[in-house]
Amino acid sequence: MKLADYLDTTRTSQSAFAERLGVSQGLVHQWLTGKRPISAEKCPEIEKLTGGAVTCEELNDKVDWPYIRASGFRSAA
């Protein structure tokens, strides 16, 4: 699921999501509009925060997530 779809489905505002994630609402807006990519460091946090509904693979396709996961990364989803 895309992050924008998750926010719409759960009726979560950009501001509320940003606060839970510890980033600015402006940054979340930039992610959603494609003006700024989601960093690899934030992807696991977002996956955890969304209960696995939005995965790292969907957030940032520039990272070899299967390798990262095989190396011991664990989502709390």
C-alpha atoms as a PDB file:
ATOM      1  CA  MET A   1       0.000   0.000   0.000  1.00  0.00           C
ATOM      2  CA  LYS A   2       1.260   3.474  -0.764  1.00  0.00           C
ATOM      3  CA  LEU A   3       1.751   5.844   2.132  1.00  0.00           C
ATOM      4  CA  ALA A   4      -0.837   8.279   0.765  1.00  0.00           C
ATOM      5  CA  ASP A   5      -3.397   5.457   0.554  1.00  0.00           C
ATOM      6  CA  TYR A   6      -2.620   4.420   4.118  1.00  0.00           C
ATOM      7  CA  LEU A   7      -3.149   7.955   5.395  1.00  0.00           C
ATOM      8  CA  ASP A   8      -6.425   8.243   3.466  1.00  0.00           C
ATOM      9  CA  THR A   9      -7.698   4.824   4.553  1.00  0.00           C
ATOM     10  CA  THR A  10      -6.884   5.402   8.203  1.00  0.00           C
ATOM     11  CA  ARG A  11      -7.974   9.054   8.063  1.00  0.00           C
ATOM     12  CA  THR A  12      -4.619  10.075   9.474  1.00  0.00           C
ATOM     13  CA  SER A  13      -3.541  13.642   8.809  1.00  0.00           C
ATOM     14  CA  GLN A  14      -0.072  14.411   7.553  1.00  0.00           C
ATOM     15  CA  SER A  15       0.500  16.397  10.747  1.00  0.00           C
ATOM     16  CA  ALA A  16      -0.532  13.543  13.048  1.00  0.00           C
ATOM     17  CA  PHE A  17       1.587  11.044  11.117  1.00  0.00           C
ATOM     18  CA  ALA A  18       4.560  13.397  11.124  1.00  0.00           C
ATOM     19  CA  GLU A  19       4.270  13.906  14.869  1.00  0.00           C
ATOM     20  CA  ARG A  20       4.224  10.152  15.532  1.00  0.00           C
ATOM     21  CA  LEU A  21       7.249   9.720  13.284  1.00  0.00           C
ATOM     22  CA  GLY A  22       9.159  12.674  14.714  1.00  0.00           C
ATOM     23  CA  VAL A  23       9.417  14.623  11.463  1.00  0.00           C
ATOM     24  CA  SER A  24       7.776  17.765  10.116  1.00  0.00           C
ATOM     25  CA  GLN A  25       4.454  17.807   8.311  1.00  0.00           C
ATOM     26  CA  GLY A  26       6.273  19.515   5.451  1.00  0.00           C
ATOM     27  CA  LEU A  27       8.585  16.541   5.048  1.00  0.00           C
ATOM     28  CA  VAL A  28       5.638  14.126   4.939  1.00  0.00           C
ATOM     29  CA  HIS A  29       4.039  16.354   2.288  1.00  0.00           C
ATOM     30  CA  GLN A  30       7.263  16.288   0.247  1.00  0.00           C
ATOM     31  CA  TRP A  31       7.316  12.489   0.451  1.00  0.00           C
ATOM     32  CA  LEU A  32       3.718  12.244  -0.695  1.00  0.00           C
ATOM     33  CA  THR A  33       4.214  14.619  -3.629  1.00  0.00           C
ATOM     34  CA  GLY A  34       7.461  12.987  -4.698  1.00  0.00           C
ATOM     35  CA  LYS A  35       9.498  16.130  -4.129  1.00  0.00           C
ATOM     36  CA  ARG A  36      11.739  14.291  -1.691  1.00  0.00           C
ATOM     37  CA  PRO A  37      12.464  10.567  -1.427  1.00  0.00           C
ATOM     38  CA  ILE A  38      11.881   8.707   1.821  1.00  0.00           C
ATOM     39  CA  SER A  39      15.245   7.910   3.348  1.00  0.00           C
ATOM     40  CA  ALA A  40      16.201   4.299   3.941  1.00  0.00           C
ATOM     41  CA  GLU A  41      16.546   5.116   7.638  1.00  0.00           C
ATOM     42  CA  LYS A  42      12.895   6.190   7.924  1.00  0.00           C
ATOM     43  CA  CYS A  43      11.434   3.259   6.001  1.00  0.00           C
ATOM     44  CA  PRO A  44      11.574   0.719   8.864  1.00  0.00           C
ATOM     45  CA  GLU A  45      10.049   3.290  11.216  1.00  0.00           C
ATOM     46  CA  ILE A  46       7.184   3.924   8.791  1.00  0.00           C
ATOM     47  CA  GLU A  47       6.652   0.190   8.254  1.00  0.00           C
ATOM     48  CA  LYS A  48       6.468  -0.290  12.020  1.00  0.00           C
ATOM     49  CA  LEU A  49       4.187   2.705  12.532  1.00  0.00           C
ATOM     50  CA  THR A  50       1.766   1.451   9.864  1.00  0.00           C
ATOM     51  CA  GLY A  51       1.739  -2.073  11.271  1.00  0.00           C
ATOM     52  CA  GLY A  52       3.281  -3.376   8.068  1.00  0.00           C
ATOM     53  CA  ALA A  53       0.566  -1.950   5.823  1.00  0.00           C
ATOM     54  CA  VAL A  54       3.206   0.173   4.095  1.00  0.00           C
ATOM     55  CA  THR A  55       6.426  -1.755   3.532  1.00  0.00           C
ATOM     56  CA  CYS A  56       9.985  -0.579   3.087  1.00  0.00           C
ATOM     57  CA  GLU A  57       9.940  -1.987  -0.434  1.00  0.00           C
ATOM     58  CA  GLU A  58       7.031   0.296  -1.327  1.00  0.00           C
ATOM     59  CA  LEU A  59       8.644   3.334   0.263  1.00  0.00           C
ATOM     60  CA  ASN A  60      12.127   3.195  -1.249  1.00  0.00           C
ATOM     61  CA  ASP A  61      12.951   0.922  -4.163  1.00  0.00           C
ATOM     62  CA  LYS A  62      16.603   2.014  -4.291  1.00  0.00           C
ATOM     63  CA  VAL A  63      17.509  -0.202  -1.325  1.00  0.00           C
ATOM     64  CA  ASP A  64      18.097  -3.960  -1.466  1.00  0.00           C
ATOM     65  CA  TRP A  65      15.503  -4.723   1.220  1.00  0.00           C
ATOM     66  CA  PRO A  66      15.700  -8.530   0.863  1.00  0.00           C
ATOM     67  CA  TYR A  67      19.411  -8.289   1.687  1.00  0.00           C
ATOM     68  CA  ILE A  68      18.771  -5.932   4.612  1.00  0.00           C
ATOM     69  CA  ARG A  69      16.049  -8.220   5.982  1.00  0.00           C
ATOM     70  CA  ALA A  70      18.286 -11.296   5.586  1.00  0.00           C
ATOM     71  CA  SER A  71      20.987  -9.442   7.518  1.00  0.00           C
ATOM     72  CA  GLY A  72      18.828  -9.261  10.603  1.00  0.00           C
ATOM     73  CA  PHE A  73      16.501  -6.296  10.085  1.00  0.00           C
ATOM     74  CA  ARG A  74      13.226  -6.997  11.810  1.00  0.00           C
ATOM     75  CA  SER A  75      10.063  -5.001  11.362  1.00  0.00           C
ATOM     76  CA  ALA A  76       7.724  -4.839  14.309  1.00  0.00           C
ATOM     77  CA  ALA A  77       4.839  -5.478  11.937  1.00  0.00           C
END
